[in-house]
Amino acid sequence: MDDLVLLIAILALVVAILAFRKAGGEEEVRKQMRDLSATAEAAREKTADVLDRLEQAVRGKEKTPPAEPGAPGPSPEAPK
């Protein structure tokens, strides 16, 4: 009985391999991955642009960039 199960499993594997090759094989998978990567990159760029515009709308256009922490400059004095 175990031999029959093994034979059926091997036959199913062979049929799956043949179907994969007939459908385009690895080259088709690579092509689809390239197309998907290009689409994802375009979506990433659009998202970055939208977030930049949203940030400008929320914060307004700043005339001077904020000082970095630890940068030399006037320090606020603590009240005594």
N, C-alpha and C. Protein backbone atom coordinates (compact mmCIF):
# COMPACT_ATOMS: atom_id res chain seq x y z
N MET A 1 0.82 -1.19 0.00
CA MET A 1 0.00 0.00 0.00
C MET A 1 0.87 1.26 0.00
N ASP A 2 1.95 1.23 0.79
CA ASP A 2 2.84 2.39 0.84
C ASP A 2 3.50 2.63 -0.52
N ASP A 3 3.78 1.55 -1.23
CA ASP A 3 4.40 1.68 -2.55
C ASP A 3 3.46 2.38 -3.53
N LEU A 4 2.17 2.08 -3.44
CA LEU A 4 1.19 2.72 -4.31
C LEU A 4 1.10 4.22 -4.02
N VAL A 5 1.14 4.60 -2.74
CA VAL A 5 1.09 6.01 -2.36
C VAL A 5 2.32 6.73 -2.88
N LEU A 6 3.49 6.11 -2.76
CA LEU A 6 4.73 6.71 -3.27
C LEU A 6 4.67 6.86 -4.78
N LEU A 7 4.17 5.87 -5.49
CA LEU A 7 4.05 5.93 -6.95
C LEU A 7 3.12 7.06 -7.37
N ILE A 8 2.00 7.20 -6.70
CA ILE A 8 1.05 8.27 -7.03
C ILE A 8 1.68 9.63 -6.75
N ALA A 9 2.42 9.78 -5.65
CA ALA A 9 3.07 11.05 -5.32
C ALA A 9 4.11 11.42 -6.37
N ILE A 10 4.90 10.44 -6.82
CA ILE A 10 5.91 10.70 -7.84
C ILE A 10 5.25 11.07 -9.16
N LEU A 11 4.18 10.39 -9.51
CA LEU A 11 3.44 10.70 -10.74
C LEU A 11 2.86 12.12 -10.67
N ALA A 12 2.34 12.50 -9.53
CA ALA A 12 1.79 13.85 -9.37
C ALA A 12 2.91 14.89 -9.50
N LEU A 13 4.08 14.60 -8.97
CA LEU A 13 5.21 15.52 -9.08
C LEU A 13 5.63 15.68 -10.54
N VAL A 14 5.66 14.61 -11.30
CA VAL A 14 6.03 14.67 -12.72
C VAL A 14 5.00 15.50 -13.49
N VAL A 15 3.74 15.28 -13.23
CA VAL A 15 2.69 16.04 -13.91
C VAL A 15 2.80 17.53 -13.56
N ALA A 16 3.11 17.85 -12.30
CA ALA A 16 3.25 19.24 -11.89
C ALA A 16 4.43 19.89 -12.59
N ILE A 17 5.53 19.19 -12.71
CA ILE A 17 6.71 19.72 -13.41
C ILE A 17 6.40 19.97 -14.88
N LEU A 18 5.72 19.05 -15.51
CA LEU A 18 5.36 19.23 -16.93
C LEU A 18 4.42 20.43 -17.10
N ALA A 19 3.48 20.58 -16.22
CA ALA A 19 2.55 21.71 -16.31
C ALA A 19 3.28 23.04 -16.09
N PHE A 20 4.23 23.05 -15.18
CA PHE A 20 5.01 24.26 -14.91
C PHE A 20 5.82 24.66 -16.14
N ARG A 21 6.44 23.70 -16.77
CA ARG A 21 7.23 23.99 -17.98
C ARG A 21 6.34 24.47 -19.12
N LYS A 22 5.18 23.85 -19.27
CA LYS A 22 4.28 24.24 -20.36
C LYS A 22 3.73 25.65 -20.13
N ALA A 23 3.55 26.04 -18.90
CA ALA A 23 3.01 27.36 -18.57
C ALA A 23 4.04 28.47 -18.72
N GLY A 24 5.27 28.14 -18.96
CA GLY A 24 6.28 29.17 -19.16
C GLY A 24 7.52 28.95 -18.33
N GLY A 25 7.43 28.15 -17.32
CA GLY A 25 8.59 27.81 -16.52
C GLY A 25 9.16 28.98 -15.75
N GLU A 26 10.44 28.89 -15.46
CA GLU A 26 11.11 29.89 -14.64
C GLU A 26 11.18 31.25 -15.34
N GLU A 27 11.31 31.26 -16.65
CA GLU A 27 11.42 32.53 -17.37
C GLU A 27 10.15 33.37 -17.18
N GLU A 28 9.01 32.74 -17.20
CA GLU A 28 7.75 33.46 -16.99
C GLU A 28 7.67 34.01 -15.57
N VAL A 29 8.14 33.22 -14.61
CA VAL A 29 8.14 33.68 -13.22
C VAL A 29 9.07 34.88 -13.07
N ARG A 30 10.24 34.83 -13.70
CA ARG A 30 11.17 35.95 -13.63
C ARG A 30 10.58 37.20 -14.28
N LYS A 31 9.89 37.03 -15.41
CA LYS A 31 9.26 38.16 -16.09
C LYS A 31 8.20 38.79 -15.19
N GLN A 32 7.39 37.97 -14.57
CA GLN A 32 6.36 38.49 -13.68
C GLN A 32 6.97 39.20 -12.47
N MET A 33 8.09 38.70 -11.96
CA MET A 33 8.76 39.35 -10.84
C MET A 33 9.31 40.71 -11.25
N ARG A 34 9.87 40.82 -12.46
CA ARG A 34 10.37 42.12 -12.95
C ARG A 34 9.22 43.11 -13.09
N ASP A 35 8.11 42.65 -13.66
CA ASP A 35 6.95 43.53 -13.82
C ASP A 35 6.42 43.99 -12.46
N LEU A 36 6.36 43.07 -11.53
CA LEU A 36 5.86 43.40 -10.19
C LEU A 36 6.81 44.36 -9.48
N SER A 37 8.10 44.17 -9.66
CA SER A 37 9.08 45.07 -9.04
C SER A 37 8.95 46.49 -9.60
N ALA A 38 8.75 46.59 -10.91
CA ALA A 38 8.60 47.91 -11.53
C ALA A 38 7.33 48.59 -11.01
N THR A 39 6.26 47.84 -10.88
CA THR A 39 5.01 48.39 -10.36
C THR A 39 5.17 48.84 -8.90
N ALA A 40 5.85 48.03 -8.11
CA ALA A 40 6.06 48.37 -6.71
C ALA A 40 6.94 49.62 -6.58
N GLU A 41 7.95 49.75 -7.42
CA GLU A 41 8.82 50.93 -7.38
C GLU A 41 8.03 52.19 -7.74
N ALA A 42 7.18 52.09 -8.75
CA ALA A 42 6.36 53.24 -9.13
C ALA A 42 5.41 53.63 -7.99
N ALA A 43 4.83 52.64 -7.35
CA ALA A 43 3.93 52.92 -6.22
C ALA A 43 4.70 53.54 -5.06
N ARG A 44 5.92 53.08 -4.82
CA ARG A 44 6.74 53.64 -3.75
C ARG A 44 7.05 55.11 -4.02
N GLU A 45 7.39 55.44 -5.26
CA GLU A 45 7.70 56.82 -5.62
C GLU A 45 6.47 57.72 -5.47
N LYS A 46 5.32 57.23 -5.91
CA LYS A 46 4.09 58.01 -5.76
C LYS A 46 3.76 58.24 -4.29
N THR A 47 3.94 57.20 -3.48
CA THR A 47 3.66 57.33 -2.05
C THR A 47 4.59 58.34 -1.41
N ALA A 48 5.87 58.32 -1.78
CA ALA A 48 6.83 59.28 -1.24
C ALA A 48 6.44 60.70 -1.63
N ASP A 49 6.02 60.90 -2.88
CA ASP A 49 5.61 62.24 -3.32
C ASP A 49 4.38 62.73 -2.55
N VAL A 50 3.41 61.84 -2.37
CA VAL A 50 2.20 62.22 -1.64
C VAL A 50 2.53 62.55 -0.20
N LEU A 51 3.40 61.78 0.42
CA LEU A 51 3.78 62.06 1.81
C LEU A 51 4.54 63.38 1.92
N ASP A 52 5.37 63.69 0.95
CA ASP A 52 6.07 64.98 0.96
C ASP A 52 5.07 66.14 0.87
N ARG A 53 4.09 66.02 -0.03
CA ARG A 53 3.09 67.08 -0.16
C ARG A 53 2.26 67.19 1.11
N LEU A 54 1.92 66.06 1.70
CA LEU A 54 1.14 66.07 2.94
C LEU A 54 1.93 66.74 4.06
N GLU A 55 3.22 66.42 4.15
CA GLU A 55 4.05 67.05 5.18
C GLU A 55 4.11 68.56 4.98
N GLN A 56 4.26 69.01 3.76
CA GLN A 56 4.30 70.45 3.49
C GLN A 56 2.97 71.11 3.82
N ALA A 57 1.88 70.41 3.57
CA ALA A 57 0.57 70.97 3.87
C ALA A 57 0.35 71.07 5.38
N VAL A 58 0.81 70.09 6.12
CA VAL A 58 0.60 70.08 7.57
C VAL A 58 1.54 71.06 8.25
N ARG A 59 2.81 71.02 7.91
CA ARG A 59 3.80 71.87 8.57
C ARG A 59 3.91 73.25 7.96
N GLY A 60 3.53 73.38 6.73
CA GLY A 60 3.76 74.64 6.03
C GLY A 60 5.20 74.66 5.55
N LYS A 61 5.48 75.52 4.66
CA LYS A 61 6.85 75.59 4.15
C LYS A 61 7.70 76.34 5.15
N GLU A 62 8.71 75.67 5.69
CA GLU A 62 9.60 76.28 6.67
C GLU A 62 10.68 77.06 5.94
N LYS A 63 10.97 78.25 6.45
CA LYS A 63 11.99 79.08 5.82
C LYS A 63 13.39 78.61 6.17
N THR A 64 13.57 78.14 7.41
CA THR A 64 14.87 77.62 7.83
C THR A 64 14.67 76.23 8.39
N PRO A 65 15.60 75.34 8.12
CA PRO A 65 15.43 74.00 8.66
C PRO A 65 15.64 74.02 10.17
N PRO A 66 14.96 73.14 10.88
CA PRO A 66 15.11 73.12 12.34
C PRO A 66 16.53 72.71 12.71
N ALA A 67 17.01 73.22 13.85
CA ALA A 67 18.36 72.91 14.32
C ALA A 67 18.41 71.45 14.74
N GLU A 68 19.54 70.83 14.48
CA GLU A 68 19.72 69.44 14.87
C GLU A 68 20.05 69.38 16.35
N PRO A 69 19.60 68.34 17.04
CA PRO A 69 19.93 68.21 18.46
C PRO A 69 21.45 68.11 18.63
N GLY A 70 21.97 68.82 19.60
CA GLY A 70 23.40 68.78 19.87
C GLY A 70 24.20 69.75 19.04
N ALA A 71 23.54 70.48 18.15
CA ALA A 71 24.25 71.46 17.32
C ALA A 71 24.52 72.71 18.15
N PRO A 72 25.66 73.36 17.91
CA PRO A 72 25.95 74.58 18.67
C PRO A 72 24.97 75.68 18.31
N GLY A 73 24.65 76.49 19.27
CA GLY A 73 23.70 77.57 19.06
C GLY A 73 23.18 78.06 20.39
N PRO A 74 22.25 78.98 20.35
CA PRO A 74 21.71 79.49 21.62
C PRO A 74 21.00 78.40 22.38
N SER A 75 21.32 78.31 23.65
CA SER A 75 20.66 77.29 24.47
C SER A 75 19.62 77.98 25.34
N PRO A 76 18.49 77.35 25.52
CA PRO A 76 17.45 77.96 26.37
C PRO A 76 17.91 77.95 27.82
N GLU A 77 17.72 79.07 28.49
CA GLU A 77 18.11 79.16 29.89
C GLU A 77 16.96 78.68 30.75
N ALA A 78 17.31 77.96 31.79
CA ALA A 78 16.31 77.46 32.72
C ALA A 78 15.93 78.58 33.68
N PRO A 79 14.66 78.76 33.99
CA PRO A 79 14.27 79.80 34.94
C PRO A 79 14.78 79.47 36.33
N LYS A 80 15.17 80.52 37.05
CA LYS A 80 15.74 80.31 38.40
C LYS A 80 14.73 80.56 39.46
